[in-house]
Amino acid sequence: MILISAMVVAVNLASEFSKDQSIAYLAIKTKKREEEWYESAAEVVKASFRCASNRNSIIKRYKTMLALRKKIFNFKRKSQLNSLMDITSAEMLYDLQHKLEEKLLATKTLICEVPNLEQRCLNMKKTQEFLDQKIDKVVQQQKIISGLVDVGMH
């Protein structure tokens, strides 16, 4: 959850910048994550040297061993987060580009269909005029028929 919210904040901040600023911001964030990862690796190495050189009581060795395990866990976690963040950033940029291309294509389609819309409206108007003429004929025939029926009934 924290990772997702951090990614959302990073993407939101990056999207408020111009293209060059966004690239620079993401590069700085990536460099910072990389430095944190190196620091975490250094902590693992330090803790392993402390563990190897510890000749104290078993309880102190156990504590240094637990500290080493914690440092290893943190290092693995940072490694996973870094790989996930790198993949996710690339995927997000790809998705954004893909969505933009789709919207541009949809806009182009709408713009190109405007002339077709005018032609379709003209065709519909012609069809409507043709139907109006036929309806007028039917109404006239109806009046003639009803006039004959009325004349025949009297």
Protein backbone atom coordinates (compact mmCIF):
# COMPACT_ATOMS: atom_id res chain seq x y z
CA MET A 1 0.00 0.00 0.00
CA ILE A 2 2.79 2.41 0.88
CA LEU A 3 4.60 1.52 -2.33
CA ILE A 4 1.52 2.16 -4.45
CA SER A 5 0.82 5.52 -2.80
CA ALA A 6 4.48 6.51 -3.20
CA MET A 7 4.29 5.58 -6.89
CA VAL A 8 1.08 7.57 -7.33
CA VAL A 9 2.62 10.62 -5.67
CA ALA A 10 5.76 10.29 -7.80
CA VAL A 11 3.75 9.96 -11.01
CA ASN A 12 1.47 12.87 -10.04
CA LEU A 13 4.46 15.08 -9.30
CA ALA A 14 6.18 14.02 -12.49
CA SER A 15 3.06 14.69 -14.54
CA GLU A 16 2.88 18.31 -13.32
CA PHE A 17 6.28 19.05 -14.85
CA SER A 18 7.20 19.68 -18.46
CA LYS A 19 8.61 16.73 -20.38
CA ASP A 20 12.24 17.59 -19.59
CA GLN A 21 11.46 18.36 -15.95
CA SER A 22 9.55 15.10 -15.61
CA ILE A 23 12.47 13.11 -17.03
CA ALA A 24 14.88 14.87 -14.66
CA TYR A 25 12.58 14.30 -11.67
CA LEU A 26 12.22 10.59 -12.39
CA ALA A 27 16.00 10.30 -12.90
CA ILE A 28 16.66 11.97 -9.53
CA LYS A 29 14.16 9.69 -7.78
CA THR A 30 15.75 6.64 -9.41
CA LYS A 31 19.23 7.77 -8.37
CA LYS A 32 18.05 8.32 -4.79
CA ARG A 33 16.52 4.81 -4.67
CA GLU A 34 19.78 3.41 -6.04
CA GLU A 35 21.82 5.19 -3.34
CA GLU A 36 19.48 3.87 -0.63
CA TRP A 37 19.91 0.40 -2.08
CA TYR A 38 23.74 0.71 -1.94
CA GLU A 39 23.53 1.93 1.66
CA SER A 40 21.39 -1.06 2.53
CA ALA A 41 23.93 -3.40 0.89
CA ALA A 42 26.72 -1.74 2.86
CA GLU A 43 24.77 -2.27 6.08
CA VAL A 44 24.51 -5.98 5.27
CA VAL A 45 28.27 -6.20 4.71
CA LYS A 46 29.00 -4.34 7.98
CA ALA A 47 26.59 -6.54 9.92
CA SER A 48 28.14 -9.70 8.46
CA PHE A 49 31.65 -8.52 9.49
CA ARG A 50 30.36 -7.79 13.01
CA CYS A 51 28.80 -11.24 13.13
CA ALA A 52 31.96 -12.97 11.89
CA SER A 53 34.25 -11.10 14.28
CA ASN A 54 31.98 -11.49 17.30
CA ARG A 55 33.61 -13.74 19.88
CA ASN A 56 31.38 -12.73 22.75
CA SER A 57 28.73 -14.74 24.56
CA ILE A 58 26.17 -16.72 22.69
CA ILE A 59 23.47 -14.16 23.48
CA LYS A 60 25.48 -11.31 21.88
CA ARG A 61 26.21 -13.51 18.87
CA TYR A 62 22.52 -14.28 18.59
CA LYS A 63 21.67 -10.56 18.70
CA THR A 64 24.25 -9.75 16.02
CA MET A 65 22.87 -12.60 13.93
CA LEU A 66 19.33 -11.19 14.29
CA ALA A 67 20.64 -7.76 13.30
CA LEU A 68 22.26 -9.31 10.22
CA ARG A 69 19.01 -11.05 9.28
CA LYS A 70 17.14 -7.76 9.65
CA LYS A 71 19.66 -5.97 7.42
CA ILE A 72 19.40 -8.76 4.83
CA PHE A 73 15.61 -8.56 4.93
CA ASN A 74 15.71 -4.78 4.41
CA PHE A 75 18.19 -5.17 1.55
CA LYS A 76 16.01 -7.78 -0.18
CA ARG A 77 12.94 -5.61 0.33
CA LYS A 78 14.66 -2.57 -1.19
CA SER A 79 15.85 -4.72 -4.09
CA GLN A 80 12.33 -5.92 -4.80
CA LEU A 81 10.88 -2.43 -4.47
CA ASN A 82 13.51 -0.99 -6.80
CA SER A 83 12.89 -3.59 -9.46
CA LEU A 84 9.13 -3.13 -9.10
CA MET A 85 9.42 0.66 -9.28
CA ASP A 86 11.61 0.53 -12.38
CA ILE A 87 9.27 -1.84 -14.18
CA THR A 88 6.22 0.06 -13.03
CA SER A 89 7.58 3.43 -14.18
CA ALA A 90 8.33 2.02 -17.62
CA GLU A 91 4.92 0.36 -17.79
CA MET A 92 3.18 3.54 -16.67
CA LEU A 93 4.93 5.58 -19.34
CA TYR A 94 4.02 2.96 -21.95
CA ASP A 95 0.39 2.93 -20.78
CA LEU A 96 0.20 6.72 -20.86
CA GLN A 97 1.64 6.80 -24.37
CA HIS A 98 -0.78 4.08 -25.48
CA LYS A 99 -3.77 5.94 -24.02
CA LEU A 100 -2.71 9.17 -25.68
CA GLU A 101 -2.39 7.42 -29.03
CA GLU A 102 -5.88 5.93 -28.62
CA LYS A 103 -7.37 9.33 -27.77
CA LEU A 104 -5.63 10.96 -30.72
CA LEU A 105 -6.94 8.25 -33.03
CA ALA A 106 -10.47 8.69 -31.66
CA THR A 107 -10.21 12.45 -32.15
CA LYS A 108 -8.94 11.99 -35.69
CA THR A 109 -11.83 9.64 -36.42
CA LEU A 110 -14.33 12.19 -35.12
CA ILE A 111 -12.79 14.98 -37.15
CA CYS A 112 -12.72 12.87 -40.30
CA GLU A 113 -16.34 11.76 -39.86
CA VAL A 114 -17.70 15.31 -39.88
CA PRO A 115 -17.80 15.46 -43.71
CA ASN A 116 -19.42 12.05 -43.74
CA LEU A 117 -21.96 13.32 -41.26
CA GLU A 118 -22.93 16.16 -43.59
CA GLN A 119 -23.36 13.72 -46.49
CA ARG A 120 -25.44 11.41 -44.34
CA CYS A 121 -27.66 14.32 -43.30
CA LEU A 122 -28.18 15.26 -46.96
CA ASN A 123 -29.09 11.66 -47.78
CA MET A 124 -31.53 11.57 -44.88
CA LYS A 125 -33.11 14.85 -46.03
CA LYS A 126 -33.60 13.44 -49.54
CA THR A 127 -35.10 10.27 -48.10
CA GLN A 128 -37.40 12.32 -45.88
CA GLU A 129 -38.58 14.41 -48.87
CA PHE A 130 -39.27 11.21 -50.83
CA LEU A 131 -41.23 9.77 -47.89
CA ASP A 132 -43.15 13.04 -47.46
CA GLN A 133 -44.25 12.84 -51.12
CA LYS A 134 -45.39 9.24 -50.67
CA ILE A 135 -47.26 10.12 -47.48
CA ASP A 136 -48.98 13.01 -49.27
CA LYS A 137 -50.15 10.60 -51.99
CA VAL A 138 -51.42 8.16 -49.37
CA VAL A 139 -53.30 10.98 -47.58
CA GLN A 140 -54.83 12.11 -50.88
CA GLN A 141 -55.92 8.55 -51.66
CA GLN A 142 -57.34 8.27 -48.15
CA LYS A 143 -59.35 11.44 -48.68
CA ILE A 144 -60.62 10.14 -52.03
CA ILE A 145 -61.56 6.80 -50.49
CA SER A 146 -63.25 8.40 -47.50
CA GLY A 147 -65.10 10.80 -49.89
CA LEU A 148 -66.38 7.87 -51.94
CA VAL A 149 -67.42 6.03 -48.85
CA ASP A 150 -69.19 9.08 -47.50
CA VAL A 151 -70.95 9.66 -50.87
CA GLY A 152 -71.96 6.00 -51.06
CA MET A 153 -73.41 5.99 -47.57
CA HIS A 154 -75.74 8.93 -48.12
